[in-house]
Amino acid sequence: MRAAWFILALPVARLWGAEPPASWIDPETHHRVVRLTSEPGSASLYFNQDAYSADGKKMIYTTPDGISAVDLDTFATKSVVKGK
C-alpha cells in the first residue's frame, strides 16, 4: 500500500478559503494527503467502489465530461470514457 493518501479536489476547499493546497499532512492521522487534480467537478468514486487498475498504477475518477484515469506515479491524467 502506498504511504500517502490520495484524494481528488473535494468540497474541503471551503476549509482553506479558495483552493486546498496540493498536499498537506492530516493533523489527526499524520498521513500525507495529495490532491491529484483540481479539475472543477471531478470526484473520486465512493469508498466501496474499486477505483484502481489491476496493477495499482492508475486510479479512475469521474469528471463532468466522463471518466478519466490518473497515473499515480506521474499524476498525468487521461480521458477514458467521454460522456455521461
C-alpha atoms as a PDB file:
ATOM      1  CA  MET A   1       0.000   0.000   0.000  1.00  0.00           C
ATOM      2  CA  ARG A   2       1.237   3.496  -0.779  1.00  0.00           C
ATOM      3  CA  ALA A   3       2.418   5.687   2.080  1.00  0.00           C
ATOM      4  CA  ALA A   4       0.251   8.636   1.073  1.00  0.00           C
ATOM      5  CA  TRP A   5      -3.488   9.025   0.881  1.00  0.00           C
ATOM      6  CA  PHE A   6      -4.671  10.351  -2.456  1.00  0.00           C
ATOM      7  CA  ILE A   7      -7.745  12.476  -2.933  1.00  0.00           C
ATOM      8  CA  LEU A   8      -9.330  14.485  -5.685  1.00  0.00           C
ATOM      9  CA  ALA A   9     -10.484  18.065  -5.366  1.00  0.00           C
ATOM     10  CA  LEU A  10     -13.193  17.862  -2.743  1.00  0.00           C
ATOM     11  CA  PRO A  11     -15.533  20.347  -1.087  1.00  0.00           C
ATOM     12  CA  VAL A  12     -12.823  20.741   1.577  1.00  0.00           C
ATOM     13  CA  ALA A  13     -11.761  23.812  -0.379  1.00  0.00           C
ATOM     14  CA  ARG A  14     -14.084  25.730   1.903  1.00  0.00           C
ATOM     15  CA  LEU A  15     -11.742  24.935   4.787  1.00  0.00           C
ATOM     16  CA  TRP A  16      -8.895  26.834   3.099  1.00  0.00           C
ATOM     17  CA  GLY A  17     -10.983  29.579   1.592  1.00  0.00           C
ATOM     18  CA  ALA A  18     -10.471  29.066  -2.123  1.00  0.00           C
ATOM     19  CA  GLU A  19      -8.416  26.103  -3.198  1.00  0.00           C
ATOM     20  CA  PRO A  20      -6.808  23.486  -0.918  1.00  0.00           C
ATOM     21  CA  PRO A  21      -3.033  23.066  -1.120  1.00  0.00           C
ATOM     22  CA  ALA A  22      -1.579  20.430  -3.457  1.00  0.00           C
ATOM     23  CA  SER A  23      -0.525  18.331  -0.441  1.00  0.00           C
ATOM     24  CA  TRP A  24      -0.674  18.522   3.341  1.00  0.00           C
ATOM     25  CA  ILE A  25      -0.266  16.447   6.482  1.00  0.00           C
ATOM     26  CA  ASP A  26      -3.556  15.486   8.124  1.00  0.00           C
ATOM     27  CA  PRO A  27      -3.359  16.744  11.714  1.00  0.00           C
ATOM     28  CA  GLU A  28      -5.273  13.771  13.171  1.00  0.00           C
ATOM     29  CA  THR A  29      -3.715  10.837  11.312  1.00  0.00           C
ATOM     30  CA  HIS A  30      -0.366  12.443  10.385  1.00  0.00           C
ATOM     31  CA  HIS A  31      -0.750  10.939   6.889  1.00  0.00           C
ATOM     32  CA  ARG A  32       0.388  12.908   3.871  1.00  0.00           C
ATOM     33  CA  VAL A  33      -2.592  13.819   1.667  1.00  0.00           C
ATOM     34  CA  VAL A  34      -2.049  14.597  -2.031  1.00  0.00           C
ATOM     35  CA  ARG A  35      -4.614  16.344  -4.216  1.00  0.00           C
ATOM     36  CA  LEU A  36      -4.489  14.591  -7.589  1.00  0.00           C
ATOM     37  CA  THR A  37      -6.460  17.074  -9.653  1.00  0.00           C
ATOM     38  CA  SER A  38      -8.004  20.479  -9.292  1.00  0.00           C
ATOM     39  CA  GLU A  39     -10.299  19.884 -12.262  1.00  0.00           C
ATOM     40  CA  PRO A  40     -13.656  21.505 -11.400  1.00  0.00           C
ATOM     41  CA  GLY A  41     -16.441  18.970 -10.958  1.00  0.00           C
ATOM     42  CA  SER A  42     -14.128  15.949 -10.688  1.00  0.00           C
ATOM     43  CA  ALA A  43     -14.759  13.397  -7.947  1.00  0.00           C
ATOM     44  CA  SER A  44     -13.391  10.131  -6.667  1.00  0.00           C
ATOM     45  CA  LEU A  45     -15.511   7.002  -6.625  1.00  0.00           C
ATOM     46  CA  TYR A  46     -17.388   6.057  -3.475  1.00  0.00           C
ATOM     47  CA  PHE A  47     -15.248   4.145  -0.952  1.00  0.00           C
ATOM     48  CA  ASN A  48     -16.836   0.763  -1.748  1.00  0.00           C
ATOM     49  CA  GLN A  49     -16.061   1.018  -5.486  1.00  0.00           C
ATOM     50  CA  ASP A  50     -12.633  -0.167  -6.613  1.00  0.00           C
ATOM     51  CA  ALA A  51     -11.115   2.759  -8.499  1.00  0.00           C
ATOM     52  CA  TYR A  52      -7.663   1.235  -9.085  1.00  0.00           C
ATOM     53  CA  SER A  53      -6.330  -0.581 -12.152  1.00  0.00           C
ATOM     54  CA  ALA A  54      -5.353  -4.239 -11.750  1.00  0.00           C
ATOM     55  CA  ASP A  55      -1.661  -3.286 -11.486  1.00  0.00           C
ATOM     56  CA  GLY A  56      -2.410  -0.488  -8.979  1.00  0.00           C
ATOM     57  CA  LYS A  57      -0.692   2.141 -11.125  1.00  0.00           C
ATOM     58  CA  LYS A  58      -3.795   4.125 -12.126  1.00  0.00           C
ATOM     59  CA  MET A  59      -6.941   5.367 -10.438  1.00  0.00           C
ATOM     60  CA  ILE A  60     -10.144   6.305 -12.222  1.00  0.00           C
ATOM     61  CA  TYR A  61     -12.377   9.210 -11.257  1.00  0.00           C
ATOM     62  CA  THR A  62     -15.398  10.989 -12.668  1.00  0.00           C
ATOM     63  CA  THR A  63     -15.318  14.316 -14.453  1.00  0.00           C
ATOM     64  CA  PRO A  64     -18.094  16.491 -15.872  1.00  0.00           C
ATOM     65  CA  ASP A  65     -17.121  15.110 -19.308  1.00  0.00           C
ATOM     66  CA  GLY A  66     -16.978  11.390 -18.360  1.00  0.00           C
ATOM     67  CA  ILE A  67     -14.379   9.175 -16.715  1.00  0.00           C
ATOM     68  CA  SER A  68     -10.638   9.838 -16.500  1.00  0.00           C
ATOM     69  CA  ALA A  69      -7.636   7.970 -15.105  1.00  0.00           C
ATOM     70  CA  VAL A  70      -4.664   9.374 -13.238  1.00  0.00           C
ATOM     71  CA  ASP A  71      -1.245   7.721 -13.258  1.00  0.00           C
ATOM     72  CA  LEU A  72      -0.251   7.514  -9.576  1.00  0.00           C
ATOM     73  CA  ASP A  73       3.475   7.776 -10.337  1.00  0.00           C
ATOM     74  CA  THR A  74       3.432  10.781 -12.686  1.00  0.00           C
ATOM     75  CA  PHE A  75      -0.013  12.273 -11.865  1.00  0.00           C
ATOM     76  CA  ALA A  76      -0.688  12.505 -15.623  1.00  0.00           C
ATOM     77  CA  THR A  77      -4.385  12.276 -16.424  1.00  0.00           C
ATOM     78  CA  LYS A  78      -6.085  10.735 -19.435  1.00  0.00           C
ATOM     79  CA  SER A  79      -9.711  10.668 -20.515  1.00  0.00           C
ATOM     80  CA  VAL A  80     -11.009   7.082 -20.592  1.00  0.00           C
ATOM     81  CA  VAL A  81     -14.723   7.488 -21.384  1.00  0.00           C
ATOM     82  CA  LYS A  82     -16.389  10.590 -22.874  1.00  0.00           C
ATOM     83  CA  GLY A  83     -19.960  11.419 -21.931  1.00  0.00           C
ATOM     84  CA  LYS A  84     -22.251  10.548 -19.055  1.00  0.00           C
END
